[in-house]
PDB file of N, CA and C in Angstrom:
ATOM      1  N   MET A   1     -70.766 -71.307  16.174  1.00  0.00           N
ATOM      2  CA  MET A   1     -70.210 -70.929  17.446  1.00  0.00           C
ATOM      3  C   MET A   1     -68.823 -70.328  17.269  1.00  0.00           C
ATOM      4  N   VAL A   2     -68.089 -70.843  16.310  1.00  0.00           N
ATOM      5  CA  VAL A   2     -66.734 -70.342  16.102  1.00  0.00           C
ATOM      6  C   VAL A   2     -66.755 -68.872  15.723  1.00  0.00           C
ATOM      7  N   SER A   3     -67.674 -68.484  14.852  1.00  0.00           N
ATOM      8  CA  SER A   3     -67.683 -67.088  14.395  1.00  0.00           C
ATOM      9  C   SER A   3     -68.034 -66.119  15.519  1.00  0.00           C
ATOM     10  N   ILE A   4     -68.973 -66.463  16.399  1.00  0.00           N
ATOM     11  CA  ILE A   4     -69.278 -65.541  17.503  1.00  0.00           C
ATOM     12  C   ILE A   4     -68.127 -65.509  18.494  1.00  0.00           C
ATOM     13  N   ASN A   5     -67.430 -66.642  18.677  1.00  0.00           N
ATOM     14  CA  ASN A   5     -66.254 -66.631  19.552  1.00  0.00           C
ATOM     15  C   ASN A   5     -65.181 -65.697  19.007  1.00  0.00           C
ATOM     16  N   ILE A   6     -65.021 -65.692  17.697  1.00  0.00           N
ATOM     17  CA  ILE A   6     -64.051 -64.786  17.075  1.00  0.00           C
ATOM     18  C   ILE A   6     -64.478 -63.336  17.290  1.00  0.00           C
ATOM     19  N   CYS A   7     -65.764 -63.042  17.133  1.00  0.00           N
ATOM     20  CA  CYS A   7     -66.270 -61.681  17.371  1.00  0.00           C
ATOM     21  C   CYS A   7     -66.035 -61.259  18.817  1.00  0.00           C
ATOM     22  N   ILE A   8     -66.249 -62.170  19.744  1.00  0.00           N
ATOM     23  CA  ILE A   8     -66.007 -61.884  21.161  1.00  0.00           C
ATOM     24  C   ILE A   8     -64.532 -61.564  21.381  1.00  0.00           C
ATOM     25  N   ASP A   9     -63.648 -62.390  20.811  1.00  0.00           N
ATOM     26  CA  ASP A   9     -62.206 -62.169  20.977  1.00  0.00           C
ATOM     27  C   ASP A   9     -61.764 -60.837  20.377  1.00  0.00           C
ATOM     28  N   ILE A  10     -62.218 -60.546  19.175  1.00  0.00           N
ATOM     29  CA  ILE A  10     -61.854 -59.286  18.519  1.00  0.00           C
ATOM     30  C   ILE A  10     -62.412 -58.103  19.302  1.00  0.00           C
ATOM     31  N   GLY A  11     -63.665 -58.207  19.731  1.00  0.00           N
ATOM     32  CA  GLY A  11     -64.277 -57.129  20.509  1.00  0.00           C
ATOM     33  C   GLY A  11     -63.523 -56.861  21.798  1.00  0.00           C
ATOM     34  N   THR A  12     -63.139 -57.926  22.493  1.00  0.00           N
ATOM     35  CA  THR A  12     -62.372 -57.780  23.735  1.00  0.00           C
ATOM     36  C   THR A  12     -61.038 -57.099  23.463  1.00  0.00           C
ATOM     37  N   HIS A  13     -60.394 -57.478  22.377  1.00  0.00           N
ATOM     38  CA  HIS A  13     -59.109 -56.873  22.012  1.00  0.00           C
ATOM     39  C   HIS A  13     -59.275 -55.381  21.706  1.00  0.00           C
ATOM     40  N   ILE A  14     -60.304 -55.033  20.959  1.00  0.00           N
ATOM     41  CA  ILE A  14     -60.562 -53.624  20.633  1.00  0.00           C
ATOM     42  C   ILE A  14     -60.817 -52.823  21.904  1.00  0.00           C
ATOM     43  N   LEU A  15     -61.606 -53.368  22.819  1.00  0.00           N
ATOM     44  CA  LEU A  15     -61.883 -52.661  24.077  1.00  0.00           C
ATOM     45  C   LEU A  15     -60.605 -52.478  24.880  1.00  0.00           C
ATOM     46  N   SER A  16     -59.756 -53.480  24.876  1.00  0.00           N
ATOM     47  CA  SER A  16     -58.481 -53.380  25.585  1.00  0.00           C
ATOM     48  C   SER A  16     -57.607 -52.280  24.979  1.00  0.00           C
ATOM     49  N   LEU A  17     -57.545 -52.230  23.656  1.00  0.00           N
ATOM     50  CA  LEU A  17     -56.758 -51.193  22.981  1.00  0.00           C
ATOM     51  C   LEU A  17     -57.284 -49.794  23.288  1.00  0.00           C
ATOM     52  N   ASN A  18     -58.586 -49.689  23.526  1.00  0.00           N
ATOM     53  CA  ASN A  18     -59.212 -48.401  23.833  1.00  0.00           C
ATOM     54  C   ASN A  18     -59.273 -48.122  25.328  1.00  0.00           C
ATOM     55  N   LYS A  19     -58.577 -48.957  26.106  1.00  0.00           N
ATOM     56  CA  LYS A  19     -58.491 -48.774  27.568  1.00  0.00           C
ATOM     57  C   LYS A  19     -59.859 -48.822  28.247  1.00  0.00           C
ATOM     58  N   ILE A  20     -60.748 -49.649  27.684  1.00  0.00           N
ATOM     59  CA  ILE A  20     -62.060 -49.869  28.288  1.00  0.00           C
ATOM     60  C   ILE A  20     -61.909 -51.063  29.225  1.00  0.00           C
ATOM     61  N   GLY A  21     -62.460 -50.963  30.407  1.00  0.00           N
ATOM     62  CA  GLY A  21     -62.355 -52.053  31.375  1.00  0.00           C
ATOM     63  C   GLY A  21     -62.922 -53.358  30.846  1.00  0.00           C
ATOM     64  N   LYS A  22     -62.515 -54.447  31.488  1.00  0.00           N
ATOM     65  CA  LYS A  22     -62.974 -55.769  31.070  1.00  0.00           C
ATOM     66  C   LYS A  22     -64.482 -55.891  31.287  1.00  0.00           C
ATOM     67  N   PRO A  23     -65.218 -56.252  30.242  1.00  0.00           N
ATOM     68  CA  PRO A  23     -66.673 -56.402  30.365  1.00  0.00           C
ATOM     69  C   PRO A  23     -67.020 -57.567  31.294  1.00  0.00           C
ATOM     70  N   GLU A  24     -68.126 -57.437  31.997  1.00  0.00           N
ATOM     71  CA  GLU A  24     -68.567 -58.502  32.896  1.00  0.00           C
ATOM     72  C   GLU A  24     -69.301 -59.608  32.152  1.00  0.00           C
ATOM     73  N   THR A  25     -69.866 -59.292  30.994  1.00  0.00           N
ATOM     74  CA  THR A  25     -70.580 -60.293  30.196  1.00  0.00           C
ATOM     75  C   THR A  25     -70.146 -60.163  28.738  1.00  0.00           C
ATOM     76  N   TYR A  26     -70.410 -61.213  27.970  1.00  0.00           N
ATOM     77  CA  TYR A  26     -70.101 -61.149  26.547  1.00  0.00           C
ATOM     78  C   TYR A  26     -70.965 -60.105  25.853  1.00  0.00           C
ATOM     79  N   SER A  27     -72.205 -59.985  26.270  1.00  0.00           N
ATOM     80  CA  SER A  27     -73.087 -58.983  25.663  1.00  0.00           C
ATOM     81  C   SER A  27     -72.557 -57.572  25.881  1.00  0.00           C
ATOM     82  N   GLU A  28     -71.944 -57.356  27.026  1.00  0.00           N
ATOM     83  CA  GLU A  28     -71.402 -56.032  27.350  1.00  0.00           C
ATOM     84  C   GLU A  28     -70.283 -55.625  26.392  1.00  0.00           C
ATOM     85  N   ILE A  29     -69.598 -56.598  25.822  1.00  0.00           N
ATOM     86  CA  ILE A  29     -68.567 -56.294  24.820  1.00  0.00           C
ATOM     87  C   ILE A  29     -69.192 -55.487  23.686  1.00  0.00           C
ATOM     88  N   PHE A  30     -70.326 -55.956  23.203  1.00  0.00           N
ATOM     89  CA  PHE A  30     -70.956 -55.315  22.054  1.00  0.00           C
ATOM     90  C   PHE A  30     -71.676 -54.029  22.441  1.00  0.00           C
ATOM     91  N   GLU A  31     -72.154 -53.951  23.679  1.00  0.00           N
ATOM     92  CA  GLU A  31     -72.698 -52.687  24.193  1.00  0.00           C
ATOM     93  C   GLU A  31     -71.597 -51.623  24.168  1.00  0.00           C
ATOM     94  N   ASN A  32     -70.415 -51.987  24.656  1.00  0.00           N
ATOM     95  CA  ASN A  32     -69.298 -51.040  24.705  1.00  0.00           C
ATOM     96  C   ASN A  32     -68.831 -50.641  23.310  1.00  0.00           C
ATOM     97  N   LEU A  33     -68.768 -51.601  22.396  1.00  0.00           N
ATOM     98  CA  LEU A  33     -68.369 -51.273  21.021  1.00  0.00           C
ATOM     99  C   LEU A  33     -69.367 -50.311  20.383  1.00  0.00           C
ATOM    100  N   SER A  34     -70.631 -50.504  20.679  1.00  0.00           N
ATOM    101  CA  SER A  34     -71.665 -49.599  20.175  1.00  0.00           C
ATOM    102  C   SER A  34     -71.519 -48.216  20.798  1.00  0.00           C
ATOM    103  N   ASN A  35     -71.271 -48.172  22.097  1.00  0.00           N
ATOM    104  CA  ASN A  35     -71.085 -46.886  22.781  1.00  0.00           C
ATOM    105  C   ASN A  35     -69.888 -46.121  22.231  1.00  0.00           C
ATOM    106  N   LEU A  36     -68.876 -46.849  21.755  1.00  0.00           N
ATOM    107  CA  LEU A  36     -67.708 -46.205  21.148  1.00  0.00           C
ATOM    108  C   LEU A  36     -67.977 -45.775  19.706  1.00  0.00           C
ATOM    109  N   GLY A  37     -69.130 -46.157  19.165  1.00  0.00           N
ATOM    110  CA  GLY A  37     -69.466 -45.814  17.783  1.00  0.00           C
ATOM    111  C   GLY A  37     -68.832 -46.737  16.760  1.00  0.00           C
ATOM    112  N   LEU A  38     -68.353 -47.906  17.209  1.00  0.00           N
ATOM    113  CA  LEU A  38     -67.672 -48.826  16.300  1.00  0.00           C
ATOM    114  C   LEU A  38     -68.624 -49.793  15.602  1.00  0.00           C
ATOM    115  N   ILE A  39     -69.778 -50.016  16.203  1.00  0.00           N
ATOM    116  CA  ILE A  39     -70.828 -50.796  15.548  1.00  0.00           C
ATOM    117  C   ILE A  39     -72.154 -50.073  15.781  1.00  0.00           C
ATOM    118  N   ASN A  40     -73.068 -50.236  14.833  1.00  0.00           N
ATOM    119  CA  ASN A  40     -74.364 -49.566  14.987  1.00  0.00           C
ATOM    120  C   ASN A  40     -75.293 -50.392  15.879  1.00  0.00           C
ATOM    121  N   LYS A  41     -76.426 -49.815  16.219  1.00  0.00           N
ATOM    122  CA  LYS A  41     -77.371 -50.452  17.143  1.00  0.00           C
ATOM    123  C   LYS A  41     -77.869 -51.791  16.601  1.00  0.00           C
ATOM    124  N   LYS A  42     -78.177 -51.843  15.310  1.00  0.00           N
ATOM    125  CA  LYS A  42     -78.679 -53.085  14.708  1.00  0.00           C
ATOM    126  C   LYS A  42     -77.643 -54.195  14.820  1.00  0.00           C
ATOM    127  N   LYS A  43     -76.384 -53.893  14.504  1.00  0.00           N
ATOM    128  CA  LYS A  43     -75.321 -54.900  14.582  1.00  0.00           C
ATOM    129  C   LYS A  43     -75.095 -55.322  16.028  1.00  0.00           C
ATOM    130  N   LYS A  44     -75.159 -54.365  16.953  1.00  0.00           N
ATOM    131  CA  LYS A  44     -75.018 -54.682  18.380  1.00  0.00           C
ATOM    132  C   LYS A  44     -76.073 -55.694  18.792  1.00  0.00           C
ATOM    133  N   GLU A  45     -77.318 -55.438  18.414  1.00  0.00           N
ATOM    134  CA  GLU A  45     -78.415 -56.329  18.785  1.00  0.00           C
ATOM    135  C   GLU A  45     -78.251 -57.708  18.152  1.00  0.00           C
ATOM    136  N   GLU A  46     -77.791 -57.757  16.903  1.00  0.00           N
ATOM    137  CA  GLU A  46     -77.563 -59.044  16.234  1.00  0.00           C
ATOM    138  C   GLU A  46     -76.477 -59.844  16.951  1.00  0.00           C
ATOM    139  N   LEU A  47     -75.397 -59.171  17.320  1.00  0.00           N
ATOM    140  CA  LEU A  47     -74.297 -59.859  17.998  1.00  0.00           C
ATOM    141  C   LEU A  47     -74.704 -60.329  19.393  1.00  0.00           C
ATOM    142  N   ILE A  48     -75.476 -59.527  20.088  1.00  0.00           N
ATOM    143  CA  ILE A  48     -75.969 -59.942  21.407  1.00  0.00           C
ATOM    144  C   ILE A  48     -76.892 -61.154  21.262  1.00  0.00           C
ATOM    145  N   ASP A  49     -77.722 -61.172  20.233  1.00  0.00           N
ATOM    146  CA  ASP A  49     -78.572 -62.342  19.984  1.00  0.00           C
ATOM    147  C   ASP A  49     -77.724 -63.586  19.710  1.00  0.00           C
ATOM    148  N   LEU A  50     -76.629 -63.423  18.972  1.00  0.00           N
ATOM    149  CA  LEU A  50     -75.738 -64.552  18.706  1.00  0.00           C
ATOM    150  C   LEU A  50     -75.068 -65.045  19.981  1.00  0.00           C
ATOM    151  N   VAL A  51     -74.697 -64.124  20.867  1.00  0.00           N
ATOM    152  CA  VAL A  51     -74.116 -64.512  22.157  1.00  0.00           C
ATOM    153  C   VAL A  51     -75.125 -65.352  22.940  1.00  0.00           C
ATOM    154  N   LYS A  52     -76.371 -64.914  22.955  1.00  0.00           N
ATOM    155  CA  LYS A  52     -77.414 -65.662  23.672  1.00  0.00           C
ATOM    156  C   LYS A  52     -77.609 -67.043  23.060  1.00  0.00           C
ATOM    157  N   PHE A  53     -77.590 -67.117  21.731  1.00  0.00           N
ATOM    158  CA  PHE A  53     -77.745 -68.404  21.054  1.00  0.00           C
ATOM    159  C   PHE A  53     -76.551 -69.304  21.347  1.00  0.00           C
ATOM    160  N   ARG A  54     -75.352 -68.737  21.355  1.00  0.00           N
ATOM    161  CA  ARG A  54     -74.136 -69.481  21.691  1.00  0.00           C
ATOM    162  C   ARG A  54     -74.253 -70.065  23.088  1.00  0.00           C
ATOM    163  N   ASN A  55     -74.703 -69.254  24.039  1.00  0.00           N
ATOM    164  CA  ASN A  55     -74.864 -69.724  25.414  1.00  0.00           C
ATOM    165  C   ASN A  55     -75.904 -70.838  25.493  1.00  0.00           C
ATOM    166  N   PHE A  56     -76.995 -70.677  24.752  1.00  0.00           N
ATOM    167  CA  PHE A  56     -78.028 -71.709  24.697  1.00  0.00           C
ATOM    168  C   PHE A  56     -77.434 -73.020  24.187  1.00  0.00           C
ATOM    169  N   LEU A  57     -76.694 -72.951  23.088  1.00  0.00           N
ATOM    170  CA  LEU A  57     -76.094 -74.158  22.518  1.00  0.00           C
ATOM    171  C   LEU A  57     -75.121 -74.806  23.491  1.00  0.00           C
ATOM    172  N   GLY A  58     -74.359 -73.995  24.193  1.00  0.00           N
ATOM    173  CA  GLY A  58     -73.384 -74.519  25.137  1.00  0.00           C
ATOM    174  C   GLY A  58     -74.006 -75.271  26.295  1.00  0.00           C
ATOM    175  N   HIS A  59     -75.220 -74.917  26.648  1.00  0.00           N
ATOM    176  CA  HIS A  59     -75.866 -75.545  27.798  1.00  0.00           C
ATOM    177  C   HIS A  59     -76.749 -76.738  27.434  1.00  0.00           C
ATOM    178  N   VAL A  60     -77.235 -76.772  26.229  1.00  0.00           N
ATOM    179  CA  VAL A  60     -78.170 -77.844  25.870  1.00  0.00           C
ATOM    180  C   VAL A  60     -77.771 -78.551  24.568  1.00  0.00           C
ATOM    181  N   TYR A  61     -76.479 -78.577  24.260  1.00  0.00           N
ATOM    182  CA  TYR A  61     -76.069 -79.104  22.965  1.00  0.00           C
ATOM    183  C   TYR A  61     -76.487 -80.555  22.742  1.00  0.00           C
ATOM    184  N   MET A  62     -76.652 -81.340  23.796  1.00  0.00           N
ATOM    185  CA  MET A  62     -77.076 -82.732  23.634  1.00  0.00           C
ATOM    186  C   MET A  62     -78.579 -82.832  23.365  1.00  0.00           C
ATOM    187  N   GLU A  63     -79.302 -81.764  23.633  1.00  0.00           N
ATOM    188  CA  GLU A  63     -80.752 -81.782  23.473  1.00  0.00           C
ATOM    189  C   GLU A  63     -81.208 -80.833  22.368  1.00  0.00           C
ATOM    190  N   ILE A  64     -80.328 -80.525  21.440  1.00  0.00           N
ATOM    191  CA  ILE A  64     -80.640 -79.537  20.409  1.00  0.00           C
ATOM    192  C   ILE A  64     -81.788 -80.019  19.523  1.00  0.00           C
ATOM    193  N   ASN A  65     -82.730 -79.144  19.324  1.00  0.00           N
ATOM    194  CA  ASN A  65     -83.857 -79.386  18.434  1.00  0.00           C
ATOM    195  C   ASN A  65     -83.491 -78.757  17.088  1.00  0.00           C
ATOM    196  N   ASN A  66     -83.261 -79.591  16.085  1.00  0.00           N
ATOM    197  CA  ASN A  66     -82.841 -79.074  14.781  1.00  0.00           C
ATOM    198  C   ASN A  66     -83.834 -78.074  14.205  1.00  0.00           C
ATOM    199  N   GLU A  67     -85.100 -78.207  14.539  1.00  0.00           N
ATOM    200  CA  GLU A  67     -86.113 -77.261  14.058  1.00  0.00           C
ATOM    201  C   GLU A  67     -85.837 -75.865  14.599  1.00  0.00           C
ATOM    202  N   LYS A  68     -85.380 -75.769  15.871  1.00  0.00           N
ATOM    203  CA  LYS A  68     -85.047 -74.464  16.453  1.00  0.00           C
ATOM    204  C   LYS A  68     -83.815 -73.864  15.781  1.00  0.00           C
ATOM    205  N   VAL A  69     -82.860 -74.718  15.443  1.00  0.00           N
ATOM    206  CA  VAL A  69     -81.616 -74.237  14.842  1.00  0.00           C
ATOM    207  C   VAL A  69     -81.837 -73.823  13.397  1.00  0.00           C
ATOM    208  N   TYR A  70     -82.484 -74.670  12.627  1.00  0.00           N
ATOM    209  CA  TYR A  70     -82.608 -74.441  11.188  1.00  0.00           C
ATOM    210  C   TYR A  70     -83.979 -73.926  10.763  1.00  0.00           C
ATOM    211  N   GLY A  71     -84.952 -73.987  11.685  1.00  0.00           N
ATOM    212  CA  GLY A  71     -86.336 -73.714  11.380  1.00  0.00           C
ATOM    213  C   GLY A  71     -86.669 -72.374  10.953  1.00  0.00           C
TER     214      GLY A  71
END
Protein backbone atom coordinates (compact mmCIF):
# COMPACT_ATOMS: atom_id res chain seq x y z
CA MET A 1 0.00 0.00 0.00
CA VAL A 2 2.85 2.35 0.75
CA SER A 3 4.30 2.10 -2.75
CA ILE A 4 1.01 2.92 -4.52
CA ASN A 5 0.47 5.82 -2.11
CA ILE A 6 3.88 7.14 -3.12
CA CYS A 7 2.96 6.77 -6.81
CA ILE A 8 -0.27 8.67 -6.17
CA ASP A 9 1.61 11.46 -4.39
CA ILE A 10 4.27 11.75 -7.09
CA GLY A 11 1.65 11.63 -9.85
CA THR A 12 -0.38 14.37 -8.19
CA HIS A 13 2.74 16.51 -7.85
CA ILE A 14 3.67 16.02 -11.52
CA LEU A 15 0.14 16.97 -12.62
CA SER A 16 0.30 20.07 -10.44
CA LEU A 17 3.64 21.09 -11.97
CA ASN A 18 2.08 20.66 -15.43
CA LYS A 19 -0.91 22.83 -14.45
CA ILE A 20 -3.32 19.91 -14.84
CA GLY A 21 -6.43 20.24 -12.69
CA LYS A 22 -6.88 18.13 -9.59
CA PRO A 23 -8.04 14.63 -10.58
CA GLU A 24 -11.38 13.47 -9.21
CA THR A 25 -10.14 9.91 -8.64
CA TYR A 26 -6.81 8.24 -8.01
CA SER A 27 -7.16 6.34 -11.27
CA GLU A 28 -7.52 9.64 -13.11
CA ILE A 29 -4.02 10.59 -11.96
CA PHE A 30 -2.57 7.80 -14.07
CA GLU A 31 -4.95 8.48 -16.97
CA ASN A 32 -3.64 12.06 -17.04
CA LEU A 33 0.00 10.98 -16.79
CA SER A 34 -0.58 8.65 -19.73
CA ASN A 35 -2.29 11.41 -21.72
CA LEU A 36 0.78 13.59 -21.12
CA GLY A 37 2.98 10.78 -22.50
CA LEU A 38 4.76 10.30 -19.17
CA ILE A 39 3.74 6.68 -18.73
CA ASN A 40 2.74 4.12 -21.34
CA LYS A 41 -0.64 2.40 -21.55
CA LYS A 42 0.59 -0.83 -19.92
CA LYS A 43 2.03 1.04 -16.91
CA LYS A 44 -1.14 3.14 -16.64
CA GLU A 45 -3.26 -0.01 -16.48
CA GLU A 46 -0.94 -1.62 -13.90
CA LEU A 47 -1.08 1.46 -11.67
CA ILE A 48 -4.86 1.70 -11.96
CA ASP A 49 -5.08 -1.98 -10.97
CA LEU A 50 -2.91 -1.22 -7.93
CA VAL A 51 -5.19 1.68 -6.99
CA LYS A 52 -8.18 -0.67 -7.14
CA PHE A 53 -6.35 -3.25 -5.02
CA ARG A 54 -5.37 -0.54 -2.52
CA ASN A 55 -9.01 0.53 -2.25
CA PHE A 56 -10.07 -3.10 -1.80
CA LEU A 57 -7.55 -3.57 1.01
CA GLY A 58 -8.65 -0.35 2.68
CA HIS A 59 -12.25 -1.48 2.85
CA VAL A 60 -11.89 -5.11 3.83
CA TYR A 61 -8.51 -5.32 5.56
CA MET A 62 -9.99 -7.25 8.51
CA GLU A 63 -11.43 -9.84 6.14
CA ILE A 64 -8.42 -10.29 3.86
CA ASN A 65 -8.15 -13.69 2.24
CA ASN A 66 -4.43 -14.47 2.03
CA GLU A 67 -5.09 -16.66 -1.02
CA LYS A 68 -6.38 -13.58 -2.90
CA VAL A 69 -3.35 -11.54 -1.87
CA TYR A 70 -0.62 -14.11 -2.42
CA GLY A 71 -2.42 -16.67 -4.58
